[in-house]
């Protein structure tokens, strides 16, 4: 499973992108479970968000959902943080 996260917005407006392929991860099953949950709770179009908040596009195997601060689910927040921290 390929997971990509794109972050836009924020005070400085600097975009950030990262991705991960679960096939290279020792805990692939945990990544994939988290990804499925994040997809299920995402929106098909970008939500309004809040001023200076971050907006995210999560793409998993070609399917993209959108979410925004402060309305992230726990699984979305965890997935986004892990991909941006550990991904390339």
PDB file of N, CA and C in Angstrom:
ATOM      1  N   UNK A   1       0.854  -1.173   0.000  1.00  0.00           N
ATOM      2  CA  UNK A   1       0.000   0.000   0.000  1.00  0.00           C
ATOM      3  C   UNK A   1       0.900   1.237   0.000  1.00  0.00           C
ATOM      4  N   UNK A   2       0.599   2.161  -0.876  1.00  0.00           N
ATOM      5  CA  UNK A   2       1.349   3.424  -0.923  1.00  0.00           C
ATOM      6  C   UNK A   2       0.492   4.527  -0.309  1.00  0.00           C
ATOM      7  N   UNK A   3       1.076   5.243   0.629  1.00  0.00           N
ATOM      8  CA  UNK A   3       0.378   6.307   1.350  1.00  0.00           C
ATOM      9  C   UNK A   3       1.143   7.605   1.123  1.00  0.00           C
ATOM     10  N   UNK A   4       0.424   8.627   0.668  1.00  0.00           N
ATOM     11  CA  UNK A   4       1.020   9.946   0.460  1.00  0.00           C
ATOM     12  C   UNK A   4       0.193  10.984   1.212  1.00  0.00           C
ATOM     13  N   UNK A   5       0.881  11.928   1.830  1.00  0.00           N
ATOM     14  CA  UNK A   5       0.230  13.014   2.548  1.00  0.00           C
ATOM     15  C   UNK A   5       0.765  14.328   2.007  1.00  0.00           C
ATOM     16  N   UNK A   6      -0.150  15.229   1.725  1.00  0.00           N
ATOM     17  CA  UNK A   6       0.199  16.567   1.290  1.00  0.00           C
ATOM     18  C   UNK A   6      -0.434  17.550   2.271  1.00  0.00           C
ATOM     19  N   UNK A   7       0.374  18.443   2.828  1.00  0.00           N
ATOM     20  CA  UNK A   7      -0.120  19.434   3.789  1.00  0.00           C
ATOM     21  C   UNK A   7       0.034  20.831   3.198  1.00  0.00           C
ATOM     22  N   UNK A   8      -1.004  21.622   3.276  1.00  0.00           N
ATOM     23  CA  UNK A   8      -0.964  23.010   2.828  1.00  0.00           C
ATOM     24  C   UNK A   8      -1.549  23.893   3.922  1.00  0.00           C
ATOM     25  N   UNK A   9      -1.377  25.193   3.753  1.00  0.00           N
ATOM     26  CA  UNK A   9      -1.938  26.132   4.717  1.00  0.00           C
ATOM     27  C   UNK A   9      -0.954  26.444   5.821  1.00  0.00           C
ATOM     28  N   UNK A  10      -1.507  26.753   6.979  1.00  0.00           N
ATOM     29  CA  UNK A  10      -0.677  27.152   8.110  1.00  0.00           C
ATOM     30  C   UNK A  10      -0.316  28.621   8.011  1.00  0.00           C
ATOM     31  N   UNK A  11       0.310  29.132   9.027  1.00  0.00           N
ATOM     32  CA  UNK A  11       0.650  30.544   9.089  1.00  0.00           C
ATOM     33  C   UNK A  11       1.584  30.956   7.957  1.00  0.00           C
ATOM     34  N   UNK A  12       2.606  30.154   7.698  1.00  0.00           N
ATOM     35  CA  UNK A  12       3.579  30.492   6.661  1.00  0.00           C
ATOM     36  C   UNK A  12       3.136  30.047   5.269  1.00  0.00           C
ATOM     37  N   UNK A  13       2.188  29.137   5.199  1.00  0.00           N
ATOM     38  CA  UNK A  13       1.688  28.680   3.912  1.00  0.00           C
ATOM     39  C   UNK A  13       2.645  27.797   3.136  1.00  0.00           C
ATOM     40  N   UNK A  14       3.600  27.186   3.823  1.00  0.00           N
ATOM     41  CA  UNK A  14       4.571  26.331   3.151  1.00  0.00           C
ATOM     42  C   UNK A  14       4.017  24.917   3.000  1.00  0.00           C
ATOM     43  N   UNK A  15       3.952  24.404   1.766  1.00  0.00           N
ATOM     44  CA  UNK A  15       3.440  23.050   1.574  1.00  0.00           C
ATOM     45  C   UNK A  15       4.478  22.005   2.000  1.00  0.00           C
ATOM     46  N   UNK A  16       3.988  20.837   2.363  1.00  0.00           N
ATOM     47  CA  UNK A  16       4.872  19.733   2.724  1.00  0.00           C
ATOM     48  C   UNK A  16       4.254  18.447   2.211  1.00  0.00           C
ATOM     49  N   UNK A  17       5.087  17.565   1.663  1.00  0.00           N
ATOM     50  CA  UNK A  17       4.621  16.292   1.127  1.00  0.00           C
ATOM     51  C   UNK A  17       5.544  15.183   1.590  1.00  0.00           C
ATOM     52  N   UNK A  18       4.969  14.011   1.794  1.00  0.00           N
ATOM     53  CA  UNK A  18       5.762  12.835   2.132  1.00  0.00           C
ATOM     54  C   UNK A  18       4.954  11.604   1.767  1.00  0.00           C
ATOM     55  N   UNK A  19       5.652  10.507   1.578  1.00  0.00           N
ATOM     56  CA  UNK A  19       4.979   9.264   1.246  1.00  0.00           C
ATOM     57  C   UNK A  19       5.698   8.077   1.838  1.00  0.00           C
ATOM     58  N   UNK A  20       4.976   6.983   1.918  1.00  0.00           N
ATOM     59  CA  UNK A  20       5.542   5.759   2.463  1.00  0.00           C
ATOM     60  C   UNK A  20       4.926   4.569   1.749  1.00  0.00           C
ATOM     61  N   UNK A  21       5.708   3.538   1.551  1.00  0.00           N
ATOM     62  CA  UNK A  21       5.210   2.294   0.978  1.00  0.00           C
ATOM     63  C   UNK A  21       5.210   1.275   2.103  1.00  0.00           C
ATOM     64  N   UNK A  22       4.042   0.770   2.465  1.00  0.00           N
ATOM     65  CA  UNK A  22       3.954  -0.134   3.607  1.00  0.00           C
ATOM     66  C   UNK A  22       4.694  -1.442   3.378  1.00  0.00           C
ATOM     67  N   UNK A  23       4.982  -1.786   2.131  1.00  0.00           N
ATOM     68  CA  UNK A  23       5.703  -3.020   1.842  1.00  0.00           C
ATOM     69  C   UNK A  23       7.112  -3.004   2.440  1.00  0.00           C
ATOM     70  N   UNK A  24       7.633  -1.814   2.707  1.00  0.00           N
ATOM     71  CA  UNK A  24       8.972  -1.694   3.271  1.00  0.00           C
ATOM     72  C   UNK A  24       8.961  -1.525   4.791  1.00  0.00           C
ATOM     73  N   UNK A  25       7.773  -1.584   5.395  1.00  0.00           N
ATOM     74  CA  UNK A  25       7.639  -1.356   6.832  1.00  0.00           C
ATOM     75  C   UNK A  25       7.441  -2.664   7.590  1.00  0.00           C
ATOM     76  N   UNK A  26       8.121  -2.803   8.719  1.00  0.00           N
ATOM     77  CA  UNK A  26       7.949  -3.995   9.548  1.00  0.00           C
ATOM     78  C   UNK A  26       6.546  -4.092  10.127  1.00  0.00           C
ATOM     79  N   UNK A  27       5.935  -2.962  10.405  1.00  0.00           N
ATOM     80  CA  UNK A  27       4.591  -2.924  10.979  1.00  0.00           C
ATOM     81  C   UNK A  27       3.548  -2.559   9.915  1.00  0.00           C
ATOM     82  N   UNK A  28       3.658  -3.190   8.752  1.00  0.00           N
ATOM     83  CA  UNK A  28       2.786  -2.880   7.618  1.00  0.00           C
ATOM     84  C   UNK A  28       1.307  -3.030   7.959  1.00  0.00           C
ATOM     85  N   UNK A  29       0.937  -4.032   8.718  1.00  0.00           N
ATOM     86  CA  UNK A  29      -0.474  -4.250   9.061  1.00  0.00           C
ATOM     87  C   UNK A  29      -1.033  -3.080   9.867  1.00  0.00           C
ATOM     88  N   UNK A  30      -0.244  -2.531  10.776  1.00  0.00           N
ATOM     89  CA  UNK A  30      -0.689  -1.376  11.568  1.00  0.00           C
ATOM     90  C   UNK A  30      -0.854  -0.147  10.680  1.00  0.00           C
ATOM     91  N   UNK A  31       0.103   0.078   9.772  1.00  0.00           N
ATOM     92  CA  UNK A  31      -0.003   1.193   8.821  1.00  0.00           C
ATOM     93  C   UNK A  31      -1.277   1.070   7.992  1.00  0.00           C
ATOM     94  N   UNK A  32      -1.531  -0.118   7.476  1.00  0.00           N
ATOM     95  CA  UNK A  32      -2.664  -0.327   6.582  1.00  0.00           C
ATOM     96  C   UNK A  32      -3.994  -0.174   7.308  1.00  0.00           C
ATOM     97  N   UNK A  33      -4.079  -0.624   8.539  1.00  0.00           N
ATOM     98  CA  UNK A  33      -5.289  -0.443   9.342  1.00  0.00           C
ATOM     99  C   UNK A  33      -5.548   1.043   9.589  1.00  0.00           C
ATOM    100  N   UNK A  34      -4.516   1.768   9.945  1.00  0.00           N
ATOM    101  CA  UNK A  34      -4.618   3.205  10.173  1.00  0.00           C
ATOM    102  C   UNK A  34      -5.035   3.923   8.888  1.00  0.00           C
ATOM    103  N   UNK A  35      -4.473   3.522   7.772  1.00  0.00           N
ATOM    104  CA  UNK A  35      -4.787   4.133   6.483  1.00  0.00           C
ATOM    105  C   UNK A  35      -6.248   3.900   6.099  1.00  0.00           C
ATOM    106  N   UNK A  36      -6.736   2.683   6.278  1.00  0.00           N
ATOM    107  CA  UNK A  36      -8.142   2.390   5.948  1.00  0.00           C
ATOM    108  C   UNK A  36      -9.087   3.238   6.783  1.00  0.00           C
ATOM    109  N   UNK A  37      -8.775   3.397   8.049  1.00  0.00           N
ATOM    110  CA  UNK A  37      -9.607   4.220   8.929  1.00  0.00           C
ATOM    111  C   UNK A  37      -9.578   5.687   8.500  1.00  0.00           C
ATOM    112  N   UNK A  38      -8.408   6.197   8.160  1.00  0.00           N
ATOM    113  CA  UNK A  38      -8.279   7.592   7.724  1.00  0.00           C
ATOM    114  C   UNK A  38      -9.054   7.837   6.437  1.00  0.00           C
ATOM    115  N   UNK A  39      -9.023   6.877   5.522  1.00  0.00           N
ATOM    116  CA  UNK A  39      -9.771   7.000   4.265  1.00  0.00           C
ATOM    117  C   UNK A  39     -11.270   7.028   4.522  1.00  0.00           C
ATOM    118  N   UNK A  40     -11.728   6.169   5.396  1.00  0.00           N
ATOM    119  CA  UNK A  40     -13.158   6.040   5.659  1.00  0.00           C
ATOM    120  C   UNK A  40     -13.748   7.321   6.237  1.00  0.00           C
ATOM    121  N   UNK A  41     -12.934   8.100   6.926  1.00  0.00           N
ATOM    122  CA  UNK A  41     -13.440   9.288   7.600  1.00  0.00           C
ATOM    123  C   UNK A  41     -13.072  10.593   6.901  1.00  0.00           C
ATOM    124  N   UNK A  42     -12.484  10.503   5.713  1.00  0.00           N
ATOM    125  CA  UNK A  42     -12.099  11.692   4.966  1.00  0.00           C
ATOM    126  C   UNK A  42     -13.217  12.161   4.049  1.00  0.00           C
ATOM    127  N   UNK A  43     -13.063  13.355   3.524  1.00  0.00           N
ATOM    128  CA  UNK A  43     -14.044  13.954   2.615  1.00  0.00           C
ATOM    129  C   UNK A  43     -13.514  13.895   1.182  1.00  0.00           C
ATOM    130  N   UNK A  44     -14.427  13.843   0.225  1.00  0.00           N
ATOM    131  CA  UNK A  44     -14.042  13.804  -1.179  1.00  0.00           C
ATOM    132  C   UNK A  44     -13.547  15.138  -1.703  1.00  0.00           C
ATOM    133  N   UNK A  45     -13.929  16.224  -1.053  1.00  0.00           N
ATOM    134  CA  UNK A  45     -13.489  17.558  -1.448  1.00  0.00           C
ATOM    135  C   UNK A  45     -12.856  18.250  -0.245  1.00  0.00           C
ATOM    136  N   UNK A  46     -11.962  19.195  -0.474  1.00  0.00           N
ATOM    137  CA  UNK A  46     -11.308  19.866   0.651  1.00  0.00           C
ATOM    138  C   UNK A  46     -12.309  20.611   1.526  1.00  0.00           C
ATOM    139  N   UNK A  47     -12.272  20.388   2.850  1.00  0.00           N
ATOM    140  CA  UNK A  47     -13.151  21.118   3.761  1.00  0.00           C
ATOM    141  C   UNK A  47     -12.658  22.546   3.962  1.00  0.00           C
ATOM    142  N   UNK A  48     -13.508  23.372   4.527  1.00  0.00           N
ATOM    143  CA  UNK A  48     -13.185  24.788   4.722  1.00  0.00           C
ATOM    144  C   UNK A  48     -12.011  24.998   5.669  1.00  0.00           C
ATOM    145  N   UNK A  49     -11.941  24.253   6.754  1.00  0.00           N
ATOM    146  CA  UNK A  49     -10.855  24.450   7.712  1.00  0.00           C
ATOM    147  C   UNK A  49     -11.003  25.749   8.477  1.00  0.00           C
ATOM    148  N   UNK A  50      -9.922  26.213   9.066  1.00  0.00           N
ATOM    149  CA  UNK A  50      -9.905  27.448   9.847  1.00  0.00           C
ATOM    150  C   UNK A  50      -8.748  28.320   9.360  1.00  0.00           C
ATOM    151  N   UNK A  51      -8.811  29.638   9.594  1.00  0.00           N
ATOM    152  CA  UNK A  51      -7.697  30.494   9.180  1.00  0.00           C
ATOM    153  C   UNK A  51      -6.377  30.013   9.798  1.00  0.00           C
ATOM    154  N   UNK A  52      -5.339  29.980   8.999  1.00  0.00           N
ATOM    155  CA  UNK A  52      -3.995  29.559   9.397  1.00  0.00           C
ATOM    156  C   UNK A  52      -3.924  28.094   9.833  1.00  0.00           C
ATOM    157  N   UNK A  53      -4.970  27.325   9.591  1.00  0.00           N
ATOM    158  CA  UNK A  53      -4.942  25.897   9.907  1.00  0.00           C
ATOM    159  C   UNK A  53      -4.391  25.112   8.730  1.00  0.00           C
ATOM    160  N   UNK A  54      -4.001  23.894   9.000  1.00  0.00           N
ATOM    161  CA  UNK A  54      -3.492  23.033   7.938  1.00  0.00           C
ATOM    162  C   UNK A  54      -4.628  22.275   7.268  1.00  0.00           C
ATOM    163  N   UNK A  55      -4.455  22.040   5.982  1.00  0.00           N
ATOM    164  CA  UNK A  55      -5.357  21.197   5.203  1.00  0.00           C
ATOM    165  C   UNK A  55      -4.524  20.055   4.643  1.00  0.00           C
ATOM    166  N   UNK A  56      -5.138  18.890   4.568  1.00  0.00           N
ATOM    167  CA  UNK A  56      -4.405  17.700   4.165  1.00  0.00           C
ATOM    168  C   UNK A  56      -5.115  16.964   3.041  1.00  0.00           C
ATOM    169  N   UNK A  57      -4.317  16.388   2.158  1.00  0.00           N
ATOM    170  CA  UNK A  57      -4.803  15.428   1.165  1.00  0.00           C
ATOM    171  C   UNK A  57      -4.075  14.129   1.473  1.00  0.00           C
ATOM    172  N   UNK A  58      -4.838  13.083   1.712  1.00  0.00           N
ATOM    173  CA  UNK A  58      -4.277  11.765   1.990  1.00  0.00           C
ATOM    174  C   UNK A  58      -4.609  10.887   0.794  1.00  0.00           C
ATOM    175  N   UNK A  59      -3.588  10.378   0.130  1.00  0.00           N
ATOM    176  CA  UNK A  59      -3.791   9.520  -1.037  1.00  0.00           C
ATOM    177  C   UNK A  59      -3.254   8.136  -0.705  1.00  0.00           C
ATOM    178  N   UNK A  60      -4.135   7.155  -0.863  1.00  0.00           N
ATOM    179  CA  UNK A  60      -3.764   5.773  -0.572  1.00  0.00           C
ATOM    180  C   UNK A  60      -4.123   4.940  -1.784  1.00  0.00           C
ATOM    181  N   UNK A  61      -3.094   4.388  -2.424  1.00  0.00           N
ATOM    182  CA  UNK A  61      -3.280   3.573  -3.624  1.00  0.00           C
ATOM    183  C   UNK A  61      -4.197   4.245  -4.645  1.00  0.00           C
ATOM    184  N   UNK A  62      -3.970   5.541  -4.869  1.00  0.00           N
ATOM    185  CA  UNK A  62      -4.698   6.268  -5.898  1.00  0.00           C
ATOM    186  C   UNK A  62      -6.014   6.898  -5.469  1.00  0.00           C
ATOM    187  N   UNK A  63      -6.484   6.635  -4.279  1.00  0.00           N
ATOM    188  CA  UNK A  63      -7.728   7.239  -3.779  1.00  0.00           C
ATOM    189  C   UNK A  63      -7.369   8.363  -2.815  1.00  0.00           C
ATOM    190  N   UNK A  64      -7.911   9.559  -3.059  1.00  0.00           N
ATOM    191  CA  UNK A  64      -7.583  10.725  -2.241  1.00  0.00           C
ATOM    192  C   UNK A  64      -8.781  11.190  -1.446  1.00  0.00           C
ATOM    193  N   UNK A  65      -8.539  11.484  -0.165  1.00  0.00           N
ATOM    194  CA  UNK A  65      -9.531  12.123   0.692  1.00  0.00           C
ATOM    195  C   UNK A  65      -8.895  13.364   1.287  1.00  0.00           C
ATOM    196  N   UNK A  66      -9.729  14.262   1.764  1.00  0.00           N
ATOM    197  CA  UNK A  66      -9.256  15.530   2.314  1.00  0.00           C
ATOM    198  C   UNK A  66      -9.753  15.697   3.745  1.00  0.00           C
ATOM    199  N   UNK A  67      -8.966  16.418   4.532  1.00  0.00           N
ATOM    200  CA  UNK A  67      -9.351  16.742   5.898  1.00  0.00           C
ATOM    201  C   UNK A  67      -8.605  18.011   6.304  1.00  0.00           C
ATOM    202  N   UNK A  68      -9.029  18.615   7.412  1.00  0.00           N
ATOM    203  CA  UNK A  68      -8.410  19.873   7.837  1.00  0.00           C
ATOM    204  C   UNK A  68      -8.442  20.001   9.352  1.00  0.00           C
ATOM    205  N   UNK A  69      -7.449  20.714   9.873  1.00  0.00           N
ATOM    206  CA  UNK A  69      -7.458  21.069  11.291  1.00  0.00           C
ATOM    207  C   UNK A  69      -8.617  22.032  11.534  1.00  0.00           C
ATOM    208  N   UNK A  70      -9.237  21.998  12.622  1.00  0.00           N
ATOM    209  CA  UNK A  70      -9.037  21.136  13.785  1.00  0.00           C
ATOM    210  C   UNK A  70      -9.940  19.903  13.767  1.00  0.00           C
ATOM    211  N   UNK A  71     -10.468  19.532  12.633  1.00  0.00           N
ATOM    212  CA  UNK A  71     -11.468  18.470  12.548  1.00  0.00           C
ATOM    213  C   UNK A  71     -10.909  17.125  12.110  1.00  0.00           C
ATOM    214  N   UNK A  72      -9.685  16.821  12.494  1.00  0.00           N
ATOM    215  CA  UNK A  72      -9.086  15.535  12.162  1.00  0.00           C
ATOM    216  C   UNK A  72      -9.537  14.480  13.170  1.00  0.00           C
ATOM    217  N   UNK A  73      -9.734  13.258  12.694  1.00  0.00           N
ATOM    218  CA  UNK A  73      -9.971  12.154  13.617  1.00  0.00           C
ATOM    219  C   UNK A  73      -8.629  11.753  14.227  1.00  0.00           C
ATOM    220  N   UNK A  74      -8.670  10.983  15.280  1.00  0.00           N
ATOM    221  CA  UNK A  74      -7.423  10.527  15.898  1.00  0.00           C
ATOM    222  C   UNK A  74      -6.583   9.725  14.909  1.00  0.00           C
ATOM    223  N   UNK A  75      -7.244   8.855  14.124  1.00  0.00           N
ATOM    224  CA  UNK A  75      -6.503   8.044  13.157  1.00  0.00           C
ATOM    225  C   UNK A  75      -5.905   8.897  12.041  1.00  0.00           C
ATOM    226  N   UNK A  76      -6.634   9.908  11.586  1.00  0.00           N
ATOM    227  CA  UNK A  76      -6.085  10.799  10.561  1.00  0.00           C
ATOM    228  C   UNK A  76      -4.870  11.537  11.104  1.00  0.00           C
ATOM    229  N   UNK A  77      -4.988  12.059  12.304  1.00  0.00           N
ATOM    230  CA  UNK A  77      -3.879  12.806  12.907  1.00  0.00           C
ATOM    231  C   UNK A  77      -2.647  11.908  13.075  1.00  0.00           C
ATOM    232  N   UNK A  78      -2.869  10.682  13.533  1.00  0.00           N
ATOM    233  CA  UNK A  78      -1.757   9.751  13.724  1.00  0.00           C
ATOM    234  C   UNK A  78      -1.106   9.393  12.399  1.00  0.00           C
ATOM    235  N   UNK A  79      -1.919   9.068  11.398  1.00  0.00           N
ATOM    236  CA  UNK A  79      -1.378   8.716  10.082  1.00  0.00           C
ATOM    237  C   UNK A  79      -0.600   9.875   9.471  1.00  0.00           C
ATOM    238  N   UNK A  80      -1.178  11.055   9.488  1.00  0.00           N
ATOM    239  CA  UNK A  80      -0.518  12.234   8.928  1.00  0.00           C
ATOM    240  C   UNK A  80       0.819  12.476   9.619  1.00  0.00           C
ATOM    241  N   UNK A  81       0.825  12.441  10.944  1.00  0.00           N
ATOM    242  CA  UNK A  81       2.058  12.678  11.699  1.00  0.00           C
ATOM    243  C   UNK A  81       3.132  11.642  11.366  1.00  0.00           C
ATOM    244  N   UNK A  82       2.734  10.385  11.299  1.00  0.00           N
ATOM    245  CA  UNK A  82       3.709   9.323  11.005  1.00  0.00           C
ATOM    246  C   UNK A  82       4.264   9.452   9.601  1.00  0.00           C
ATOM    247  N   UNK A  83       3.411   9.702   8.623  1.00  0.00           N
ATOM    248  CA  UNK A  83       3.901   9.810   7.245  1.00  0.00           C
ATOM    249  C   UNK A  83       4.822  11.009   7.101  1.00  0.00           C
ATOM    250  N   UNK A  84       4.429  12.147   7.649  1.00  0.00           N
ATOM    251  CA  UNK A  84       5.277  13.341   7.521  1.00  0.00           C
ATOM    252  C   UNK A  84       6.589  13.186   8.280  1.00  0.00           C
ATOM    253  N   UNK A  85       6.598  12.416   9.356  1.00  0.00           N
ATOM    254  CA  UNK A  85       7.806  12.203  10.147  1.00  0.00           C
ATOM    255  C   UNK A  85       8.714  11.118   9.548  1.00  0.00           C
ATOM    256  N   UNK A  86       8.111  10.007   9.111  1.00  0.00           N
ATOM    257  CA  UNK A  86       8.898   8.851   8.688  1.00  0.00           C
ATOM    258  C   UNK A  86       9.017   8.691   7.182  1.00  0.00           C
ATOM    259  N   UNK A  87       8.170   9.378   6.417  1.00  0.00           N
ATOM    260  CA  UNK A  87       8.152   9.214   4.967  1.00  0.00           C
ATOM    261  C   UNK A  87       9.216  10.024   4.265  1.00  0.00           C
ATOM    262  N   UNK A  88       9.323   9.750   2.981  1.00  0.00           N
ATOM    263  CA  UNK A  88      10.302  10.467   2.163  1.00  0.00           C
ATOM    264  C   UNK A  88       9.599  11.330   1.149  1.00  0.00           C
TER     265      UNK A  88
END
